[in-house]
């Protein structure tokens, strides 16, 4: 069973995604960037669903940069889930290596469909 890391400072978003994906995947959660990187190195998830704006030292884009810069994690699929809907934000995330970009409020079914289509 593949592991998915859900990173968001809002527990309701983590819970929604966890319930939606939990039947098919092993779910782990983190609420900030530092704990996300710790979880990535400990659990080696196949997919990271990553909020952009979070409290703490690292925002989602910095976590994305760290994932893609590390040879051990650079092949991890990363989908950004964010309230930042400007095309410049989307383009920036894509240039940094994001594999998908979902704007809040997002459709959980759309996220599940994307994950299933990318995880074999």
N, C-alpha and C. Protein backbone atom coordinates (compact mmCIF):
# COMPACT_ATOMS: atom_id res chain seq x y z
N UNK A 1 0.85 -1.18 0.00
CA UNK A 1 0.00 0.00 0.00
C UNK A 1 0.89 1.25 0.00
N UNK A 2 0.61 2.17 -0.91
CA UNK A 2 1.39 3.40 -1.00
C UNK A 2 1.02 4.36 0.12
N UNK A 3 2.01 5.17 0.52
CA UNK A 3 1.82 6.15 1.58
C UNK A 3 1.64 7.54 0.99
N UNK A 4 0.69 8.28 1.56
CA UNK A 4 0.46 9.66 1.18
C UNK A 4 0.64 10.52 2.42
N UNK A 5 1.40 11.59 2.28
CA UNK A 5 1.57 12.57 3.35
C UNK A 5 0.69 13.78 3.03
N UNK A 6 -0.18 14.12 3.98
CA UNK A 6 -1.04 15.29 3.85
C UNK A 6 -0.49 16.37 4.78
N UNK A 7 -0.12 17.52 4.20
CA UNK A 7 0.49 18.60 4.98
C UNK A 7 -0.40 19.84 4.87
N UNK A 8 -1.03 20.20 5.98
CA UNK A 8 -1.87 21.39 6.02
C UNK A 8 -2.01 21.80 7.48
N UNK A 9 -2.00 23.11 7.75
CA UNK A 9 -2.14 23.56 9.13
C UNK A 9 -3.59 23.50 9.61
N UNK A 10 -4.53 23.25 8.71
CA UNK A 10 -5.94 23.12 9.09
C UNK A 10 -6.30 21.65 9.21
N UNK A 11 -6.66 21.24 10.43
CA UNK A 11 -6.97 19.83 10.67
C UNK A 11 -8.18 19.36 9.87
N UNK A 12 -9.14 20.26 9.59
CA UNK A 12 -10.31 19.84 8.82
C UNK A 12 -9.94 19.47 7.37
N UNK A 13 -8.98 20.15 6.79
CA UNK A 13 -8.51 19.80 5.44
C UNK A 13 -7.80 18.45 5.48
N UNK A 14 -6.94 18.26 6.48
CA UNK A 14 -6.25 16.97 6.61
C UNK A 14 -7.25 15.84 6.80
N UNK A 15 -8.25 16.06 7.64
CA UNK A 15 -9.26 15.04 7.91
C UNK A 15 -10.05 14.71 6.64
N UNK A 16 -10.48 15.72 5.90
CA UNK A 16 -11.24 15.52 4.66
C UNK A 16 -10.44 14.67 3.67
N UNK A 17 -9.19 15.02 3.46
CA UNK A 17 -8.36 14.26 2.52
C UNK A 17 -8.05 12.87 3.05
N UNK A 18 -7.84 12.77 4.34
CA UNK A 18 -7.55 11.48 4.95
C UNK A 18 -8.72 10.52 4.79
N UNK A 19 -9.93 11.01 5.05
CA UNK A 19 -11.12 10.17 4.90
C UNK A 19 -11.30 9.77 3.43
N UNK A 20 -11.08 10.71 2.53
CA UNK A 20 -11.28 10.46 1.11
C UNK A 20 -10.27 9.47 0.55
N UNK A 21 -9.02 9.53 1.01
CA UNK A 21 -7.95 8.70 0.47
C UNK A 21 -7.61 7.48 1.33
N UNK A 22 -8.08 7.47 2.57
CA UNK A 22 -7.65 6.47 3.54
C UNK A 22 -8.04 5.03 3.25
N UNK A 23 -9.04 4.83 2.41
CA UNK A 23 -9.45 3.46 2.09
C UNK A 23 -8.46 2.78 1.15
N UNK A 24 -7.76 3.59 0.36
CA UNK A 24 -6.89 3.05 -0.67
C UNK A 24 -5.40 3.19 -0.34
N UNK A 25 -5.07 4.16 0.50
CA UNK A 25 -3.68 4.49 0.78
C UNK A 25 -3.43 4.58 2.28
N UNK A 26 -2.16 4.41 2.66
CA UNK A 26 -1.76 4.67 4.04
C UNK A 26 -1.55 6.17 4.16
N UNK A 27 -2.19 6.78 5.14
CA UNK A 27 -2.15 8.23 5.29
C UNK A 27 -1.32 8.62 6.51
N UNK A 28 -0.43 9.58 6.31
CA UNK A 28 0.25 10.23 7.42
C UNK A 28 0.01 11.72 7.27
N UNK A 29 0.08 12.44 8.38
CA UNK A 29 -0.25 13.86 8.36
C UNK A 29 0.84 14.68 9.03
N UNK A 30 0.94 15.92 8.59
CA UNK A 30 1.83 16.90 9.22
C UNK A 30 1.13 18.25 9.15
N UNK A 31 1.40 19.11 10.14
CA UNK A 31 0.71 20.40 10.16
C UNK A 31 1.61 21.59 9.85
N UNK A 32 2.90 21.32 9.62
CA UNK A 32 3.80 22.42 9.25
C UNK A 32 4.96 21.86 8.42
N UNK A 33 5.74 22.77 7.87
CA UNK A 33 6.81 22.38 6.96
C UNK A 33 7.89 21.54 7.59
N UNK A 34 8.30 21.88 8.80
CA UNK A 34 9.38 21.13 9.45
C UNK A 34 8.95 19.69 9.73
N UNK A 35 7.75 19.51 10.26
CA UNK A 35 7.29 18.15 10.53
C UNK A 35 7.02 17.40 9.23
N UNK A 36 6.69 18.12 8.17
CA UNK A 36 6.49 17.48 6.86
C UNK A 36 7.81 16.87 6.37
N UNK A 37 8.89 17.63 6.45
CA UNK A 37 10.18 17.10 5.99
C UNK A 37 10.63 15.92 6.84
N UNK A 38 10.37 15.99 8.14
CA UNK A 38 10.70 14.88 9.02
C UNK A 38 9.91 13.63 8.60
N UNK A 39 8.62 13.79 8.34
CA UNK A 39 7.77 12.66 7.93
C UNK A 39 8.20 12.10 6.58
N UNK A 40 8.60 12.96 5.67
CA UNK A 40 9.04 12.52 4.34
C UNK A 40 10.28 11.63 4.47
N UNK A 41 11.22 12.03 5.29
CA UNK A 41 12.45 11.24 5.43
C UNK A 41 12.24 9.97 6.25
N UNK A 42 11.24 9.97 7.09
CA UNK A 42 10.97 8.78 7.92
C UNK A 42 10.06 7.78 7.20
N UNK A 43 9.03 8.26 6.47
CA UNK A 43 8.01 7.39 5.88
C UNK A 43 8.16 7.18 4.37
N UNK A 44 8.91 8.03 3.69
CA UNK A 44 9.11 7.94 2.24
C UNK A 44 7.79 7.81 1.47
N UNK A 45 6.90 8.81 1.60
CA UNK A 45 5.61 8.72 0.91
C UNK A 45 5.77 8.76 -0.60
N UNK A 46 4.83 8.15 -1.29
CA UNK A 46 4.79 8.19 -2.75
C UNK A 46 4.28 9.55 -3.23
N UNK A 47 3.34 10.14 -2.44
CA UNK A 47 2.70 11.40 -2.79
C UNK A 47 2.68 12.31 -1.56
N UNK A 48 2.91 13.61 -1.80
CA UNK A 48 2.75 14.62 -0.76
C UNK A 48 1.71 15.62 -1.25
N UNK A 49 0.65 15.79 -0.45
CA UNK A 49 -0.36 16.82 -0.71
C UNK A 49 -0.01 17.96 0.22
N UNK A 50 0.41 19.09 -0.35
CA UNK A 50 1.14 20.12 0.39
C UNK A 50 0.48 21.49 0.29
N UNK A 51 0.09 22.03 1.44
CA UNK A 51 -0.43 23.39 1.51
C UNK A 51 0.74 24.36 1.29
N UNK A 52 0.46 25.51 0.70
CA UNK A 52 1.52 26.50 0.47
C UNK A 52 1.72 27.36 1.71
N UNK A 53 0.65 27.92 2.23
CA UNK A 53 0.76 28.87 3.34
C UNK A 53 0.55 28.15 4.67
N UNK A 54 1.63 28.04 5.45
CA UNK A 54 1.59 27.39 6.76
C UNK A 54 2.43 28.19 7.74
N UNK A 55 2.10 28.09 9.02
CA UNK A 55 2.92 28.78 10.03
C UNK A 55 4.26 28.07 10.20
N UNK A 56 5.19 28.75 10.82
CA UNK A 56 6.48 28.12 11.10
C UNK A 56 7.57 28.59 10.16
N UNK A 57 8.71 27.92 10.27
CA UNK A 57 9.89 28.32 9.52
C UNK A 57 9.78 28.08 8.03
N UNK A 58 9.09 27.01 7.63
CA UNK A 58 9.04 26.60 6.23
C UNK A 58 7.62 26.65 5.68
N UNK A 59 7.44 27.37 4.58
CA UNK A 59 6.14 27.30 3.91
C UNK A 59 6.17 26.14 2.91
N UNK A 60 5.06 25.91 2.25
CA UNK A 60 4.96 24.77 1.35
C UNK A 60 5.92 24.82 0.17
N UNK A 61 6.19 26.02 -0.34
CA UNK A 61 7.12 26.12 -1.47
C UNK A 61 8.55 25.78 -1.03
N UNK A 62 8.91 26.15 0.18
CA UNK A 62 10.24 25.78 0.69
C UNK A 62 10.33 24.27 0.91
N UNK A 63 9.25 23.66 1.36
CA UNK A 63 9.22 22.20 1.51
C UNK A 63 9.34 21.54 0.14
N UNK A 64 8.61 22.07 -0.84
CA UNK A 64 8.70 21.56 -2.21
C UNK A 64 10.14 21.65 -2.72
N UNK A 65 10.78 22.80 -2.51
CA UNK A 65 12.18 22.96 -2.93
C UNK A 65 13.07 21.90 -2.29
N UNK A 66 12.87 21.66 -0.99
CA UNK A 66 13.69 20.67 -0.28
C UNK A 66 13.45 19.26 -0.82
N UNK A 67 12.21 18.92 -1.11
CA UNK A 67 11.88 17.60 -1.66
C UNK A 67 12.56 17.40 -3.00
N UNK A 68 12.45 18.38 -3.87
CA UNK A 68 12.97 18.25 -5.23
C UNK A 68 14.49 18.38 -5.30
N UNK A 69 15.10 18.99 -4.28
CA UNK A 69 16.57 19.14 -4.27
C UNK A 69 17.28 17.90 -3.74
N UNK A 70 16.57 17.04 -3.04
CA UNK A 70 17.18 15.87 -2.41
C UNK A 70 17.06 14.66 -3.34
N UNK A 71 18.18 14.05 -3.75
CA UNK A 71 18.12 12.89 -4.64
C UNK A 71 17.26 11.74 -4.09
N UNK A 72 17.16 11.64 -2.77
CA UNK A 72 16.38 10.56 -2.15
C UNK A 72 14.88 10.79 -2.25
N UNK A 73 14.47 12.05 -2.47
CA UNK A 73 13.03 12.36 -2.48
C UNK A 73 12.55 13.06 -3.75
N UNK A 74 13.45 13.37 -4.65
CA UNK A 74 13.05 14.20 -5.80
C UNK A 74 12.00 13.57 -6.70
N UNK A 75 11.85 12.23 -6.65
CA UNK A 75 10.83 11.58 -7.48
C UNK A 75 9.47 11.49 -6.79
N UNK A 76 9.38 12.00 -5.57
CA UNK A 76 8.11 12.03 -4.85
C UNK A 76 7.15 12.94 -5.60
N UNK A 77 5.92 12.47 -5.79
CA UNK A 77 4.90 13.30 -6.42
C UNK A 77 4.40 14.33 -5.41
N UNK A 78 4.35 15.59 -5.82
CA UNK A 78 3.91 16.66 -4.92
C UNK A 78 2.77 17.43 -5.58
N UNK A 79 1.63 17.46 -4.89
CA UNK A 79 0.50 18.28 -5.33
C UNK A 79 0.31 19.40 -4.33
N UNK A 80 0.35 20.62 -4.82
CA UNK A 80 0.12 21.77 -3.97
C UNK A 80 -1.39 21.95 -3.81
N UNK A 81 -1.81 22.24 -2.58
CA UNK A 81 -3.22 22.50 -2.29
C UNK A 81 -3.25 23.82 -1.55
N UNK A 82 -3.82 24.85 -2.19
CA UNK A 82 -3.62 26.20 -1.67
C UNK A 82 -4.77 27.13 -2.01
N UNK A 83 -4.87 28.19 -1.25
CA UNK A 83 -5.82 29.26 -1.53
C UNK A 83 -5.25 30.25 -2.54
N UNK A 84 -3.97 30.13 -2.84
CA UNK A 84 -3.32 31.07 -3.76
C UNK A 84 -3.61 30.65 -5.19
N UNK A 85 -4.55 31.35 -5.82
CA UNK A 85 -5.04 30.94 -7.12
C UNK A 85 -4.54 31.74 -8.30
N UNK A 86 -3.62 32.66 -8.10
CA UNK A 86 -3.10 33.46 -9.21
C UNK A 86 -2.26 32.59 -10.13
N UNK A 87 -2.28 32.88 -11.41
CA UNK A 87 -1.50 32.07 -12.35
C UNK A 87 0.00 32.16 -12.04
N UNK A 88 0.46 33.29 -11.52
CA UNK A 88 1.88 33.41 -11.17
C UNK A 88 2.25 32.43 -10.05
N UNK A 89 1.33 32.22 -9.09
CA UNK A 89 1.57 31.25 -8.01
C UNK A 89 1.65 29.84 -8.58
N UNK A 90 0.72 29.53 -9.47
CA UNK A 90 0.69 28.21 -10.11
C UNK A 90 1.97 27.98 -10.91
N UNK A 91 2.36 28.97 -11.71
CA UNK A 91 3.57 28.86 -12.53
C UNK A 91 4.82 28.69 -11.65
N UNK A 92 4.89 29.44 -10.55
CA UNK A 92 6.03 29.34 -9.64
C UNK A 92 6.13 27.92 -9.07
N UNK A 93 5.02 27.38 -8.63
CA UNK A 93 5.02 26.02 -8.06
C UNK A 93 5.44 24.99 -9.12
N UNK A 94 4.94 25.14 -10.32
CA UNK A 94 5.30 24.20 -11.40
C UNK A 94 6.79 24.28 -11.72
N UNK A 95 7.33 25.50 -11.78
CA UNK A 95 8.75 25.67 -12.07
C UNK A 95 9.62 25.06 -10.96
N UNK A 96 9.10 25.03 -9.74
CA UNK A 96 9.83 24.45 -8.61
C UNK A 96 9.70 22.94 -8.57
N UNK A 97 8.84 22.38 -9.42
CA UNK A 97 8.72 20.93 -9.49
C UNK A 97 7.41 20.33 -9.04
N UNK A 98 6.41 21.15 -8.72
CA UNK A 98 5.11 20.62 -8.32
C UNK A 98 4.50 19.83 -9.48
N UNK A 99 3.89 18.71 -9.13
CA UNK A 99 3.28 17.85 -10.15
C UNK A 99 1.82 18.20 -10.41
N UNK A 100 1.18 18.88 -9.45
CA UNK A 100 -0.21 19.31 -9.61
C UNK A 100 -0.44 20.51 -8.70
N UNK A 101 -1.53 21.23 -8.98
CA UNK A 101 -1.85 22.44 -8.23
C UNK A 101 -3.36 22.52 -8.09
N UNK A 102 -3.86 22.36 -6.86
CA UNK A 102 -5.29 22.42 -6.59
C UNK A 102 -5.57 23.65 -5.75
N UNK A 103 -6.59 24.42 -6.16
CA UNK A 103 -6.93 25.67 -5.48
C UNK A 103 -8.11 25.44 -4.54
N UNK A 104 -7.95 25.88 -3.28
CA UNK A 104 -9.03 25.79 -2.29
C UNK A 104 -10.11 26.81 -2.64
N UNK A 105 -11.39 26.47 -2.48
CA UNK A 105 -11.87 25.15 -2.09
C UNK A 105 -11.74 24.18 -3.27
N UNK A 106 -11.20 23.02 -2.99
CA UNK A 106 -10.96 22.04 -4.04
C UNK A 106 -11.96 20.89 -3.91
N UNK A 107 -12.05 20.10 -4.95
CA UNK A 107 -12.89 18.91 -4.93
C UNK A 107 -12.05 17.73 -4.45
N UNK A 108 -12.42 17.13 -3.31
CA UNK A 108 -11.66 15.96 -2.85
C UNK A 108 -11.63 14.85 -3.91
N UNK A 109 -12.71 14.71 -4.65
CA UNK A 109 -12.75 13.67 -5.69
C UNK A 109 -11.76 13.97 -6.81
N UNK A 110 -11.55 15.23 -7.10
CA UNK A 110 -10.57 15.62 -8.11
C UNK A 110 -9.16 15.25 -7.64
N UNK A 111 -8.88 15.48 -6.36
CA UNK A 111 -7.58 15.12 -5.79
C UNK A 111 -7.39 13.60 -5.82
N UNK A 112 -8.42 12.86 -5.39
CA UNK A 112 -8.36 11.40 -5.40
C UNK A 112 -8.13 10.88 -6.82
N UNK A 113 -8.83 11.44 -7.77
CA UNK A 113 -8.67 11.03 -9.16
C UNK A 113 -7.25 11.27 -9.64
N UNK A 114 -6.67 12.42 -9.31
CA UNK A 114 -5.30 12.72 -9.69
C UNK A 114 -4.33 11.73 -9.05
N UNK A 115 -4.51 11.48 -7.75
CA UNK A 115 -3.61 10.55 -7.05
C UNK A 115 -3.70 9.18 -7.68
N UNK A 116 -4.91 8.69 -7.89
CA UNK A 116 -5.08 7.35 -8.46
C UNK A 116 -4.48 7.25 -9.86
N UNK A 117 -4.59 8.30 -10.64
CA UNK A 117 -4.06 8.25 -12.01
C UNK A 117 -2.53 8.30 -12.03
N UNK A 118 -1.92 8.79 -10.95
CA UNK A 118 -0.46 8.92 -10.92
C UNK A 118 0.25 7.86 -10.08
N UNK A 119 -0.51 7.10 -9.30
CA UNK A 119 0.07 6.07 -8.45
C UNK A 119 -0.42 4.72 -8.94
N UNK A 120 0.51 3.95 -9.45
CA UNK A 120 0.13 2.63 -9.97
C UNK A 120 0.47 1.56 -8.95
